[in-house]
């Protein structure tokens, strides 16, 4: 609905509501008054007839009351005149106790039973309520009503005076009054609608001109609204023209700065935020929003101090830059959480105080992490080269020692052989340790393939040698395909399963489970051994660290290196006297829906 129609409808409704209310009140009053007049007229007739009947009763011989009424000329004249001149009176009669008409106006129905009609008192009782919903509908339908009064002598009913009236005349009067109200309301509505429309046209003409001016202003054109009159609309048009002029000036200044600003923004790939002179954020890209408020959906329209806090070092630096108007480039800022930012500020505007500030910043943590990783890598590379050289230097004497021990065994006999064999075992252990060091430090030659994880788990479980160990499988229902070096992962899983079996020398359950977690395939290996303490768990992946007597501390470090080289992750969760759970997560070969999950082990 258009504004003109809405305005006219509201005003017309406010005008018609009191008119209709007054009409209903008047109609209500007219109906009640008509019913009261009808009742008073009927009561007056009954009183006159009653008085005349008393005279006839006194003069009549005993037992001749009905004949006296029939023979009374005065009574008949009164009944005839009442019926002839009484307004809305249909019939006036006197009834015997059995309901037979004894005497009636113009002799109507004498000797017969009077037809039943509703008492007029019922109609009057409706007047005690809201007549529009009770009395008025009855009057508009018309009908016959009666008023009766009993005549008694010594508490003995001897006759009844009955007056029948009709509401047809009231019905016609009410319908005429309703029609007059409706016509008057329609006439007033038409005149009011015309007046309101003319007034709305005059108001909306000026508003339409202002709306068109806003459309031109939004489109970049020259907008000017003609001022008509000195009223509120004229003042509004004048204010609009002032605003349009200011917008044109601002647009010209903005056009001069836009090319420079766009050049700066295009050259940046870091977090960017635009602030006004009050440090309110006007624009922020996704990295900037992440730095300002990671959990907020939007930061535009919020002051920087509200987002970060008034004591934040970045807020102080921004306020200082806006106050001095001096740009800053690649300024390192240390944040309260220990991280750092590298920030550059570019001013917006030509005045001494900038109209805004373009802020470009990057997180220094990746740079620091990269430097740390590079330094660590260099140290590992140097250490690896050193260890590899030492290992090669050690292996040559070990081979010589093995040869000499073999010669000594052949020459010394059985008594010396036992000691020689013992020495050879120790030499072999040293050789295996050197081989493990070389294997650990030598760059791995990965051969990634797609393989089915459930099949690999069953194969490795079948190779285990156990007597008191019960293996429980809780594998995913659907095939789980991982992308990794199958041989390397197989060796890692075999080491972990062997450790789990050796952790239960008295027997127990070895539980093997697989499941799909988004883009990862998880393998869980759980035992019921004595578990690992928190202190030991922190060092469990250190080279040569072991919690078992006779262990070499190489299995888990090799397993961790194999999994991480394939882009996976390994995690241990252990509780004393309850067992250990090892979780290996590998990259899935293809995307797929999540399979039914195996229960977590606790």
Protein backbone atom coordinates (compact mmCIF):
# COMPACT_ATOMS: atom_id res chain seq x y z
CA UNK A 1 0.00 0.00 0.00
CA UNK A 2 1.38 3.40 -0.97
CA UNK A 3 2.02 6.12 1.58
CA UNK A 4 -0.83 8.27 0.28
CA UNK A 5 -3.35 5.45 0.72
CA UNK A 6 -1.97 4.57 4.16
CA UNK A 7 -2.20 8.17 5.33
CA UNK A 8 -5.74 8.59 4.01
CA UNK A 9 -6.87 5.29 5.52
CA UNK A 10 -5.50 6.12 8.97
CA UNK A 11 -6.96 9.62 9.10
CA UNK A 12 -10.30 8.49 7.68
CA UNK A 13 -10.45 5.67 10.20
CA UNK A 14 -9.77 8.07 13.07
CA UNK A 15 -12.57 10.29 11.73
CA UNK A 16 -15.15 7.58 11.13
CA UNK A 17 -14.70 5.75 14.42
CA UNK A 18 -16.28 8.52 16.57
CA UNK A 19 -19.02 9.09 13.94
CA UNK A 20 -20.02 5.43 13.94
CA UNK A 21 -19.80 5.30 17.72
CA UNK A 22 -22.13 8.30 18.08
CA UNK A 23 -24.51 6.77 15.52
CA UNK A 24 -24.65 3.51 17.44
CA UNK A 25 -25.26 5.35 20.70
CA UNK A 26 -28.10 7.34 19.10
CA UNK A 27 -29.58 4.19 17.59
CA UNK A 28 -29.35 2.49 20.95
CA UNK A 29 -31.12 5.41 22.63
CA UNK A 30 -33.87 5.49 19.98
CA UNK A 31 -34.57 1.77 20.35
CA UNK A 32 -34.73 1.96 24.14
CA UNK A 33 -36.96 5.03 24.06
CA UNK A 34 -39.35 3.41 21.57
CA UNK A 35 -39.68 0.30 23.72
CA UNK A 36 -40.26 2.41 26.85
CA UNK A 37 -42.95 4.49 25.08
CA UNK A 38 -44.63 1.31 23.92
CA UNK A 39 -44.61 -0.12 27.44
CA UNK A 40 -45.89 3.12 29.05
CA UNK A 41 -48.76 3.35 26.53
CA UNK A 42 -49.79 -0.26 27.18
CA UNK A 43 -49.64 0.26 30.97
CA UNK A 44 -51.79 3.42 30.67
CA UNK A 45 -54.45 1.54 28.70
CA UNK A 46 -54.48 -1.31 31.20
CA UNK A 47 -54.87 1.11 34.11
CA UNK A 48 -57.82 2.85 32.44
CA UNK A 49 -59.53 -0.46 31.68
CA UNK A 50 -58.82 -1.67 35.22
CA UNK A 51 -60.44 1.42 36.76
CA UNK A 52 -63.53 1.02 34.59
CA UNK A 53 -63.72 -2.70 35.42
CA UNK A 54 -63.81 -1.88 39.14
CA UNK A 55 -66.93 0.19 38.61
CA UNK A 56 -68.56 -2.62 36.60
CA UNK A 57 -67.65 -5.12 39.29
CA UNK A 58 -69.28 -3.06 42.04
CA UNK A 59 -72.53 -2.61 40.07
CA UNK A 60 -72.83 -6.17 38.79
CA UNK A 61 -74.98 -8.71 40.66
CA UNK A 62 -73.11 -11.55 42.28
CA UNK A 63 -72.15 -14.18 39.73
CA UNK A 64 -72.96 -11.92 36.76
CA UNK A 65 -69.48 -10.37 36.32
CA UNK A 66 -68.91 -11.57 32.73
CA UNK A 67 -72.35 -10.41 31.62
CA UNK A 68 -71.81 -7.06 33.27
CA UNK A 69 -68.55 -6.61 31.29
CA UNK A 70 -70.23 -7.56 28.03
CA UNK A 71 -73.14 -5.22 28.68
CA UNK A 72 -70.98 -2.26 29.78
CA UNK A 73 -71.25 0.33 27.02
CA UNK A 74 -68.53 2.50 28.57
CA UNK A 75 -66.08 -0.39 28.67
CA UNK A 76 -66.74 -1.27 25.03
CA UNK A 77 -66.24 2.35 23.94
CA UNK A 78 -62.95 2.50 25.88
CA UNK A 79 -61.72 -0.71 24.29
CA UNK A 80 -62.76 0.45 20.80
CA UNK A 81 -61.11 3.84 21.20
CA UNK A 82 -57.93 2.34 22.67
CA UNK A 83 -57.53 -0.03 19.75
CA UNK A 84 -58.39 2.67 17.21
CA UNK A 85 -56.11 5.42 18.52
CA UNK A 86 -53.40 3.49 20.49
CA UNK A 87 -50.06 3.63 18.75
CA UNK A 88 -48.90 0.15 17.69
CA UNK A 89 -51.91 -1.46 19.54
CA UNK A 90 -53.18 -4.53 17.69
CA UNK A 91 -55.75 -5.88 20.14
CA UNK A 92 -57.20 -4.96 23.58
CA UNK A 93 -59.34 -7.52 25.43
CA UNK A 94 -60.43 -8.92 28.79
CA UNK A 95 -59.88 -12.63 29.37
CA UNK A 96 -61.72 -15.06 31.58
CA UNK A 97 -59.57 -17.14 33.99
CA UNK A 98 -59.52 -19.97 31.42
CA UNK A 99 -58.05 -17.66 28.74
CA UNK A 100 -61.33 -17.11 26.79
CA UNK A 101 -61.85 -13.60 25.43
CA UNK A 102 -64.84 -12.11 27.32
CA UNK A 103 -64.91 -8.70 25.71
CA UNK A 104 -62.58 -7.13 23.12
CA UNK A 105 -62.24 -3.99 21.11
CA UNK A 106 -64.67 -4.08 18.20
CA UNK A 107 -65.72 -7.53 19.44
CA UNK A 108 -62.58 -9.11 17.94
CA UNK A 109 -62.32 -12.83 18.83
CA UNK A 110 -64.83 -12.81 21.71
CA UNK A 111 -65.56 -16.27 23.00
CA UNK A 112 -62.27 -17.66 21.61
CA UNK A 113 -58.89 -18.30 23.09
CA UNK A 114 -56.32 -15.50 22.76
CA UNK A 115 -53.29 -16.56 20.65
CA UNK A 116 -50.05 -16.80 22.63
CA UNK A 117 -47.55 -13.93 22.27
CA UNK A 118 -44.27 -13.00 23.96
CA UNK A 119 -44.58 -10.67 26.95
CA UNK A 120 -43.43 -7.13 26.33
CA UNK A 121 -41.46 -7.40 29.57
CA UNK A 122 -39.07 -9.83 27.82
CA UNK A 123 -38.37 -7.18 25.20
CA UNK A 124 -37.80 -4.54 27.87
CA UNK A 125 -35.46 -6.78 29.82
CA UNK A 126 -33.13 -6.75 26.78
CA UNK A 127 -32.77 -3.02 27.29
CA UNK A 128 -30.78 -3.61 30.46
CA UNK A 129 -27.96 -5.04 28.30
CA UNK A 130 -26.20 -3.52 25.31
CA UNK A 131 -29.11 -2.93 22.97
CA UNK A 132 -27.05 -3.19 19.80
CA UNK A 133 -26.53 -6.92 20.38
CA UNK A 134 -29.79 -7.81 22.18
CA UNK A 135 -32.77 -5.50 21.73
CA UNK A 136 -31.96 -3.97 18.37
CA UNK A 137 -31.92 -7.24 16.36
CA UNK A 138 -35.31 -8.18 17.81
CA UNK A 139 -36.83 -4.82 16.91
CA UNK A 140 -35.48 -4.95 13.36
CA UNK A 141 -37.14 -8.35 12.88
CA UNK A 142 -40.54 -7.01 14.11
CA UNK A 143 -43.14 -9.04 16.01
CA UNK A 144 -46.14 -9.15 18.39
CA UNK A 145 -45.86 -8.65 22.16
CA UNK A 146 -48.48 -8.48 24.91
CA UNK A 147 -48.95 -6.76 28.26
CA UNK A 148 -51.29 -8.45 30.76
CA UNK A 149 -52.68 -7.61 34.20
CA UNK A 150 -54.73 -9.91 36.41
CA UNK A 151 -57.96 -8.69 38.11
CA UNK A 152 -58.72 -10.41 41.43
CA UNK A 153 -61.34 -10.16 44.15
CA UNK A 154 -60.35 -11.40 47.57
CA UNK A 155 -57.22 -13.02 46.15
CA UNK A 156 -59.29 -14.81 43.54
CA UNK A 157 -58.49 -14.18 39.90
CA UNK A 158 -61.63 -13.25 38.03
CA UNK A 159 -60.22 -11.81 34.79
CA UNK A 160 -57.09 -10.69 32.90
CA UNK A 161 -56.60 -7.48 30.91
CA UNK A 162 -54.49 -8.09 27.80
CA UNK A 163 -53.06 -5.50 25.39
CA UNK A 164 -51.29 -6.75 22.24
CA UNK A 165 -48.82 -4.38 20.54
CA UNK A 166 -46.69 -4.63 17.40
CA UNK A 167 -43.08 -3.39 16.90
CA UNK A 168 -43.50 -2.95 13.13
CA UNK A 169 -43.65 0.85 13.43
CA UNK A 170 -40.51 0.87 15.58
CA UNK A 171 -38.82 -1.41 13.03
CA UNK A 172 -39.56 1.03 10.21
CA UNK A 173 -38.35 3.97 12.26
CA UNK A 174 -35.12 2.19 13.21
CA UNK A 175 -34.42 1.12 9.63
CA UNK A 176 -34.94 4.68 8.48
CA UNK A 177 -32.56 5.91 11.17
CA UNK A 178 -29.94 3.26 10.24
CA UNK A 179 -30.17 4.26 6.59
CA UNK A 180 -29.72 7.91 7.56
CA UNK A 181 -26.61 7.06 9.63
CA UNK A 182 -25.11 5.01 6.79
CA UNK A 183 -25.74 7.73 4.20
CA UNK A 184 -24.35 10.44 6.49
CA UNK A 185 -21.27 8.32 7.22
CA UNK A 186 -20.67 7.66 3.52
CA UNK A 187 -21.06 11.34 2.70
CA UNK A 188 -18.65 12.36 5.46
CA UNK A 189 -16.20 9.63 4.38
CA UNK A 190 -16.27 10.79 0.77
CA UNK A 191 -15.71 14.43 1.72
CA UNK A 192 -12.98 13.49 4.19
CA UNK A 193 -11.25 11.21 1.67
CA UNK A 194 -11.22 13.98 -0.89
CA UNK A 195 -9.81 16.48 1.61
CA UNK A 196 -7.22 14.02 2.88
CA UNK A 197 -6.16 13.09 -0.64
CA UNK A 198 -5.63 16.73 -1.55
CA UNK A 199 -3.61 17.29 1.61
CA UNK A 200 -1.59 14.07 1.09
CA UNK A 201 -0.85 15.01 -2.50
CA UNK A 202 0.55 18.33 -1.37
CA UNK A 203 2.72 16.68 1.31
CA UNK A 204 3.85 13.76 -0.82
CA UNK A 205 4.72 15.97 -3.78
CA UNK A 206 7.49 17.56 -1.73
CA UNK A 207 8.53 14.18 -0.26
CA UNK A 208 8.65 12.65 -3.75
CA UNK A 209 10.93 15.46 -4.88
CA UNK A 210 13.24 14.81 -1.91
CA UNK A 211 13.21 11.06 -2.65
CA UNK A 212 14.19 11.67 -6.26
CA UNK A 213 16.93 13.95 -5.00
CA UNK A 214 18.28 11.13 -2.84
CA UNK A 215 18.19 8.77 -5.82
CA UNK A 216 20.17 11.25 -7.92
CA UNK A 217 22.58 11.79 -5.04
CA UNK A 218 23.10 8.02 -4.66
CA UNK A 219 23.68 7.71 -8.42
CA UNK A 220 26.36 10.43 -8.30
CA UNK A 221 24.35 13.12 -10.08
CA UNK A 222 23.67 16.69 -9.10
CA UNK A 223 20.66 16.72 -6.80
CA UNK A 224 18.75 19.86 -5.82
CA UNK A 225 15.19 19.98 -4.49
CA UNK A 226 12.98 23.05 -5.11
CA UNK A 227 11.89 24.72 -1.85
CA UNK A 228 8.15 25.39 -1.62
CA UNK A 229 6.75 27.21 1.40
CA UNK A 230 8.28 28.00 4.74
CA UNK A 231 6.94 25.02 6.68
CA UNK A 232 8.63 21.89 7.89
CA UNK A 233 8.82 20.39 4.40
CA UNK A 234 10.49 23.54 3.09
CA UNK A 235 13.08 23.35 5.89
CA UNK A 236 13.63 19.66 5.09
CA UNK A 237 14.24 20.50 1.42
CA UNK A 238 16.72 23.22 2.39
CA UNK A 239 18.62 20.81 4.67
CA UNK A 240 18.71 18.25 1.87
CA UNK A 241 20.23 20.77 -0.52
CA UNK A 242 22.94 21.58 2.05
CA UNK A 243 23.65 17.89 2.51
CA UNK A 244 23.84 17.31 -1.24
CA UNK A 245 26.37 20.11 -1.58
CA UNK A 246 28.53 18.68 1.20
CA UNK A 247 28.36 15.22 -0.42
CA UNK A 248 29.52 16.65 -3.74
CA UNK A 249 32.50 18.31 -2.04
CA UNK A 250 33.37 15.11 -0.17
CA UNK A 251 33.12 13.09 -3.37
CA UNK A 252 35.58 15.35 -5.14
CA UNK A 253 38.06 14.96 -2.27
CA UNK A 254 37.48 11.23 -2.18
CA UNK A 255 38.09 10.91 -5.91
CA UNK A 256 41.48 12.59 -5.49
CA UNK A 257 42.49 10.15 -2.73
CA UNK A 258 40.93 7.01 -4.16
CA UNK A 259 43.57 6.21 -6.76
CA UNK A 260 46.36 6.54 -4.19
CA UNK A 261 44.47 4.40 -1.68
CA UNK A 262 43.68 1.69 -4.20
CA UNK A 263 47.31 1.49 -5.27
CA UNK A 264 48.35 0.97 -1.68
CA UNK A 265 45.70 -1.68 -1.02
CA UNK A 266 46.43 -3.61 -4.21
CA UNK A 267 50.07 -3.93 -3.30
CA UNK A 268 49.34 -5.57 0.06
CA UNK A 269 48.63 -9.19 0.89
CA UNK A 270 48.46 -8.95 4.67
CA UNK A 271 45.76 -7.96 7.14
CA UNK A 272 44.22 -4.59 6.23
CA UNK A 273 41.94 -2.35 8.28
CA UNK A 274 40.57 1.14 7.57
CA UNK A 275 39.87 3.45 10.53
CA UNK A 276 38.28 6.89 10.64
CA UNK A 277 39.56 9.86 12.65
CA UNK A 278 37.77 8.52 15.75
CA UNK A 279 39.52 5.13 15.39
CA UNK A 280 36.23 3.45 14.46
CA UNK A 281 36.80 0.43 12.20
CA UNK A 282 35.28 1.12 8.77
CA UNK A 283 36.66 -1.93 7.00
CA UNK A 284 38.64 -5.00 7.97
CA UNK A 285 39.50 -8.04 5.91
CA UNK A 286 39.41 -11.56 7.32
CA UNK A 287 42.99 -11.60 8.78
CA UNK A 288 42.38 -8.24 10.44
CA UNK A 289 39.11 -9.43 11.97
CA UNK A 290 40.90 -12.50 13.30
CA UNK A 291 43.46 -10.27 15.02
CA UNK A 292 40.87 -7.82 16.41
CA UNK A 293 38.25 -10.28 17.66
CA UNK A 294 38.44 -13.91 16.66
CA UNK A 295 34.95 -14.72 17.99
CA UNK A 296 33.14 -11.66 16.53
CA UNK A 297 31.13 -11.86 13.31
CA UNK A 298 31.84 -8.25 12.40
CA UNK A 299 34.06 -5.47 13.68
CA UNK A 300 32.92 -2.67 11.38
CA UNK A 301 31.41 0.29 13.21
CA UNK A 302 33.13 -0.53 16.52
CA UNK A 303 35.93 1.65 17.97
CA UNK A 304 39.34 0.01 18.12
CA UNK A 305 39.59 0.70 21.86
CA UNK A 306 36.37 -1.26 22.41
CA UNK A 307 37.70 -4.25 20.46
CA UNK A 308 41.18 -4.38 21.99
CA UNK A 309 40.95 -2.34 25.21
CA UNK A 310 42.11 1.19 25.93
CA UNK A 311 45.48 -0.01 27.31
CA UNK A 312 46.36 -2.09 24.27
CA UNK A 313 49.67 -0.96 22.69
CA UNK A 314 48.12 -0.98 19.21
CA UNK A 315 45.44 1.51 20.35
CA UNK A 316 48.09 3.86 21.74
CA UNK A 317 50.09 3.67 18.50
CA UNK A 318 46.99 4.39 16.38
CA UNK A 319 46.02 7.40 18.53
CA UNK A 320 49.57 8.76 18.30
CA UNK A 321 49.61 8.36 14.50
CA UNK A 322 46.27 10.16 14.07
CA UNK A 323 47.36 12.98 16.41
CA UNK A 324 50.71 13.60 14.72
CA UNK A 325 49.61 12.74 11.18
CA UNK A 326 52.98 11.00 10.55
CA UNK A 327 52.91 7.71 8.69
CA UNK A 328 54.81 4.71 10.05
CA UNK A 329 56.15 1.68 8.20
CA UNK A 330 57.11 -1.80 9.45
CA UNK A 331 56.88 -0.92 13.12
CA UNK A 332 57.24 -3.99 15.41
CA UNK A 333 54.72 -4.09 18.24
CA UNK A 334 54.86 -6.56 21.11
CA UNK A 335 51.39 -7.68 22.27
CA UNK A 336 50.40 -8.58 25.86
CA UNK A 337 50.10 -12.29 24.99
CA UNK A 338 53.74 -12.41 23.95
CA UNK A 339 53.13 -12.37 20.19
CA UNK A 340 54.17 -9.55 17.92
CA UNK A 341 52.90 -7.59 14.91
CA UNK A 342 54.69 -5.76 12.13
CA UNK A 343 52.52 -2.71 11.38
CA UNK A 344 52.43 0.02 8.73
CA UNK A 345 50.15 3.09 8.80
CA UNK A 346 49.01 5.12 5.79
CA UNK A 347 47.09 8.34 6.35
CA UNK A 348 43.87 9.18 4.49
CA UNK A 349 43.19 12.86 3.72
CA UNK A 350 45.23 15.98 2.92
CA UNK A 351 44.80 17.95 6.16
CA UNK A 352 47.19 18.07 9.10
CA UNK A 353 44.96 15.65 10.97
CA UNK A 354 44.15 12.66 8.75
CA UNK A 355 40.53 11.85 8.00
CA UNK A 356 41.32 8.21 8.52
CA UNK A 357 44.05 5.65 8.75
CA UNK A 358 44.83 2.62 6.63
CA UNK A 359 46.51 0.01 8.80
CA UNK A 360 48.43 -2.94 7.34
CA UNK A 361 49.89 -5.54 9.68
CA UNK A 362 51.18 -9.07 9.76
CA UNK A 363 51.70 -11.61 12.53
CA UNK A 364 55.37 -12.08 13.42
CA UNK A 365 54.83 -15.56 14.86
CA UNK A 366 55.15 -17.38 11.49
CA UNK A 367 58.39 -15.50 10.82
CA UNK A 368 59.73 -16.41 14.25
CA UNK A 369 58.58 -20.02 13.88
CA UNK A 370 60.23 -20.22 10.47
CA UNK A 371 63.48 -18.82 11.86
CA UNK A 372 63.33 -21.26 14.79
CA UNK A 373 62.56 -24.19 12.50
CA UNK A 374 65.37 -23.21 10.14
CA UNK A 375 67.84 -22.89 13.00
CA UNK A 376 66.71 -26.23 14.43
CA UNK A 377 66.97 -27.84 11.01
CA UNK A 378 70.50 -26.52 10.54
CA UNK A 379 71.56 -27.84 13.92
CA UNK A 380 69.97 -31.23 13.23
CA UNK A 381 71.67 -31.34 9.85
CA UNK A 382 75.08 -30.63 11.39
CA UNK A 383 74.41 -33.11 14.19
CA UNK A 384 73.24 -35.71 11.72
CA UNK A 385 76.33 -35.31 9.63
CA UNK A 386 78.46 -35.62 12.76
CA UNK A 387 76.60 -38.69 14.01
CA UNK A 388 76.67 -40.31 10.58
CA UNK A 389 80.43 -39.80 10.37
CA UNK A 390 80.96 -41.17 13.85
CA UNK A 391 78.76 -44.19 13.05
CA UNK A 392 80.82 -45.00 9.95
CA UNK A 393 84.01 -44.61 11.96
CA UNK A 394 82.68 -46.99 14.63
CA UNK A 395 81.38 -49.68 12.30
CA UNK A 396 84.77 -50.45 10.75
CA UNK A 397 86.39 -51.38 14.11
CA UNK A 398 83.29 -53.39 15.04
CA UNK A 399 83.60 -55.50 11.90
CA UNK A 400 87.26 -56.07 12.72
CA UNK A 401 86.36 -57.06 16.26
CA UNK A 402 83.81 -59.58 14.97
CA UNK A 403 86.43 -61.20 12.76
CA UNK A 404 88.97 -61.39 15.59
CA UNK A 405 86.39 -62.83 17.97
CA UNK A 406 85.52 -65.52 15.45
CA UNK A 407 89.18 -66.46 15.12
CA UNK A 408 89.56 -66.46 18.90
CA UNK A 409 86.54 -68.75 19.26
CA UNK A 410 87.94 -71.22 16.79
CA UNK A 411 91.29 -71.33 18.62
CA UNK A 412 90.03 -71.25 22.24
CA UNK A 413 87.64 -74.16 22.30
CA UNK A 414 84.32 -74.45 24.13
CA UNK A 415 85.37 -72.80 27.39
CA UNK A 416 86.46 -69.64 25.64
CA UNK A 417 83.59 -69.85 23.10
CA UNK A 418 80.95 -68.98 25.65
CA UNK A 419 82.69 -65.73 26.49
CA UNK A 420 83.35 -65.01 22.84
CA UNK A 421 79.69 -65.52 21.97
CA UNK A 422 78.74 -63.13 24.74
CA UNK A 423 81.13 -60.50 23.39
CA UNK A 424 79.83 -61.00 19.85
CA UNK A 425 76.26 -60.41 21.06
CA UNK A 426 77.31 -57.13 22.63
CA UNK A 427 79.16 -56.15 19.45
CA UNK A 428 76.02 -56.97 17.44
CA UNK A 429 73.97 -54.79 19.75
CA UNK A 430 76.38 -51.90 19.22
CA UNK A 431 76.19 -52.50 15.47
CA UNK A 432 72.38 -52.50 15.57
CA UNK A 433 72.43 -49.29 17.54
CA UNK A 434 74.72 -47.70 14.97
CA UNK A 435 72.47 -48.99 12.17
CA UNK A 436 69.47 -47.47 13.96
CA UNK A 437 71.27 -44.13 14.25
CA UNK A 438 72.10 -44.17 10.56
CA UNK A 439 68.56 -45.14 9.70
CA UNK A 440 67.14 -42.42 11.93
CA UNK A 441 69.37 -39.67 10.52
CA UNK A 442 69.35 -40.80 6.88
CA UNK A 443 66.74 -39.00 4.69
CA UNK A 444 63.80 -41.30 4.13
CA UNK A 445 62.82 -42.36 0.62
CA UNK A 446 59.03 -42.35 0.88
CA UNK A 447 56.94 -44.50 -1.46
CA UNK A 448 53.32 -43.44 -0.69
CA UNK A 449 50.54 -45.69 -1.93
CA UNK A 450 46.85 -46.19 -1.20
CA UNK A 451 46.30 -49.18 1.10
CA UNK A 452 43.43 -50.59 3.13
CA UNK A 453 44.05 -50.00 6.84
CA UNK A 454 41.81 -52.76 8.23
CA UNK A 455 43.62 -55.37 6.11
CA UNK A 456 47.03 -54.16 7.34
CA UNK A 457 45.91 -54.27 10.98
CA UNK A 458 44.67 -57.86 10.63
CA UNK A 459 47.91 -58.92 8.91
CA UNK A 460 50.08 -57.45 11.67
CA UNK A 461 47.90 -58.97 14.40
CA UNK A 462 48.27 -62.39 12.79
CA UNK A 463 52.09 -62.15 12.99
CA UNK A 464 52.13 -61.52 16.74
CA UNK A 465 53.32 -64.34 18.99
CA UNK A 466 51.20 -64.49 22.09
CA UNK A 467 49.80 -67.12 24.37
CA UNK A 468 47.87 -65.32 27.11
CA UNK A 469 46.86 -62.34 24.95
CA UNK A 470 43.30 -61.99 23.66
CA UNK A 471 43.01 -59.77 20.57
CA UNK A 472 39.77 -57.83 20.17
CA UNK A 473 38.98 -56.13 16.86
CA UNK A 474 36.70 -53.12 16.62
CA UNK A 475 37.32 -52.10 13.02
CA UNK A 476 35.25 -49.73 10.92
CA UNK A 477 32.48 -51.34 8.90
CA UNK A 478 33.47 -49.70 5.63
CA UNK A 479 36.94 -49.98 4.01
CA UNK A 480 39.38 -47.32 5.24
CA UNK A 481 41.97 -46.35 2.63
CA UNK A 482 45.00 -44.31 3.74
CA UNK A 483 47.66 -42.57 1.68
CA UNK A 484 51.16 -43.34 3.04
CA UNK A 485 54.25 -45.57 2.71
CA UNK A 486 52.73 -48.95 3.56
CA UNK A 487 56.01 -50.61 4.51
CA UNK A 488 57.05 -47.78 6.81
CA UNK A 489 53.62 -47.63 8.51
CA UNK A 490 53.59 -51.43 8.80
CA UNK A 491 56.93 -51.39 10.63
CA UNK A 492 55.72 -48.61 12.95
CA UNK A 493 52.48 -50.43 13.81
CA UNK A 494 54.37 -53.68 14.35
CA UNK A 495 56.67 -52.00 16.87
CA UNK A 496 53.72 -50.49 18.74
CA UNK A 497 51.81 -53.81 18.82
CA UNK A 498 54.91 -55.62 20.06
CA UNK A 499 55.36 -53.07 22.86
CA UNK A 500 51.69 -53.50 23.80
CA UNK A 501 52.03 -57.31 23.99
CA UNK A 502 55.27 -57.07 26.00
CA UNK A 503 53.51 -54.68 28.43
CA UNK A 504 51.21 -57.57 29.44
CA UNK A 505 53.51 -60.41 30.54
CA UNK A 506 50.70 -61.95 32.63
CA UNK A 507 48.27 -61.77 29.75
CA UNK A 508 45.37 -59.46 28.92
CA UNK A 509 43.40 -57.94 26.05
CA UNK A 510 44.98 -56.26 23.06
CA UNK A 511 42.29 -54.10 21.44
CA UNK A 512 42.68 -52.91 17.86
CA UNK A 513 40.22 -50.33 16.49
CA UNK A 514 39.94 -48.17 13.37
CA UNK A 515 37.63 -45.31 12.49
CA UNK A 516 37.20 -42.44 10.06
CA UNK A 517 37.56 -38.88 11.41
CA UNK A 518 36.84 -36.45 8.58
CA UNK A 519 39.91 -36.51 6.31
CA UNK A 520 41.88 -38.73 8.69
CA UNK A 521 41.99 -42.46 9.36
CA UNK A 522 42.65 -43.31 13.01
CA UNK A 523 44.15 -46.55 14.34
CA UNK A 524 43.92 -47.26 18.08
CA UNK A 525 46.09 -49.87 19.81
CA UNK A 526 45.24 -50.41 23.48
CA UNK A 527 46.73 -52.74 26.08
CA UNK A 528 45.93 -53.57 29.71
CA UNK A 529 49.46 -53.28 31.04
CA UNK A 530 50.79 -51.34 34.02
CA UNK A 531 50.69 -48.07 32.13
CA UNK A 532 53.21 -45.22 31.94
CA UNK A 533 53.54 -42.38 34.44
CA UNK A 534 53.21 -38.76 33.36
CA UNK A 535 56.93 -38.15 33.87
CA UNK A 536 57.85 -41.10 31.68
CA UNK A 537 55.19 -40.22 29.11
CA UNK A 538 56.90 -36.89 28.44
CA UNK A 539 60.09 -38.67 27.35
CA UNK A 540 58.62 -41.80 25.80
CA UNK A 541 59.48 -40.70 22.23
CA UNK A 542 63.08 -39.74 23.08
CA UNK A 543 65.73 -41.80 21.33
CA UNK A 544 67.10 -44.66 23.51
CA UNK A 545 64.65 -43.94 26.33
CA UNK A 546 62.82 -47.08 27.47
CA UNK A 547 60.67 -48.19 30.41
CA UNK A 548 61.38 -51.93 29.86
CA UNK A 549 64.35 -53.86 31.15
CA UNK A 550 66.40 -54.97 28.17
CA UNK A 551 64.70 -52.51 25.80
CA UNK A 552 66.74 -50.38 23.40
CA UNK A 553 64.44 -47.31 23.29
CA UNK A 554 64.23 -47.29 19.47
CA UNK A 555 60.75 -48.69 18.69
CA UNK A 556 58.58 -45.71 19.57
CA UNK A 557 60.97 -43.02 18.20
CA UNK A 558 61.14 -44.91 14.91
CA UNK A 559 57.35 -45.30 14.88
CA UNK A 560 56.87 -41.59 15.53
CA UNK A 561 59.32 -40.63 12.79
CA UNK A 562 57.67 -43.01 10.30
CA UNK A 563 54.18 -41.64 11.02
CA UNK A 564 55.26 -37.98 10.90
CA UNK A 565 57.22 -38.47 7.67
CA UNK A 566 53.94 -39.65 6.11
CA UNK A 567 52.09 -36.56 7.31
CA UNK A 568 50.41 -38.32 10.22
CA UNK A 569 50.35 -37.95 13.97
CA UNK A 570 50.92 -40.34 16.86
CA UNK A 571 49.66 -39.85 20.40
CA UNK A 572 49.91 -41.85 23.63
CA UNK A 573 47.40 -41.82 26.49
CA UNK A 574 48.28 -43.93 29.50
CA UNK A 575 46.99 -44.50 33.02
CA UNK A 576 48.83 -46.36 35.74
CA UNK A 577 47.48 -49.93 36.25
CA UNK A 578 44.87 -49.39 33.56
CA UNK A 579 46.87 -49.59 30.36
CA UNK A 580 47.99 -47.48 27.42
CA UNK A 581 46.21 -46.32 24.26
CA UNK A 582 48.27 -45.39 21.19
CA UNK A 583 46.41 -43.44 18.48
CA UNK A 584 47.88 -43.13 14.98
CA UNK A 585 46.17 -40.68 12.57
CA UNK A 586 46.92 -40.97 8.83
CA UNK A 587 45.64 -38.99 5.87
CA UNK A 588 42.70 -40.64 4.10
CA UNK A 589 43.20 -41.42 0.43
CA UNK A 590 39.76 -40.16 -0.64
CA UNK A 591 36.95 -38.15 0.94
CA UNK A 592 34.04 -40.12 2.34
CA UNK A 593 31.33 -40.13 4.92
CA UNK A 594 32.29 -40.91 8.48
CA UNK A 595 32.07 -44.61 9.26
CA UNK A 596 30.61 -46.00 12.44
CA UNK A 597 33.00 -44.99 15.24
CA UNK A 598 34.71 -47.39 17.58
CA UNK A 599 34.41 -46.61 21.26
CA UNK A 600 37.23 -44.73 22.95
CA UNK A 601 39.49 -46.72 25.25
CA UNK A 602 39.86 -45.58 28.84
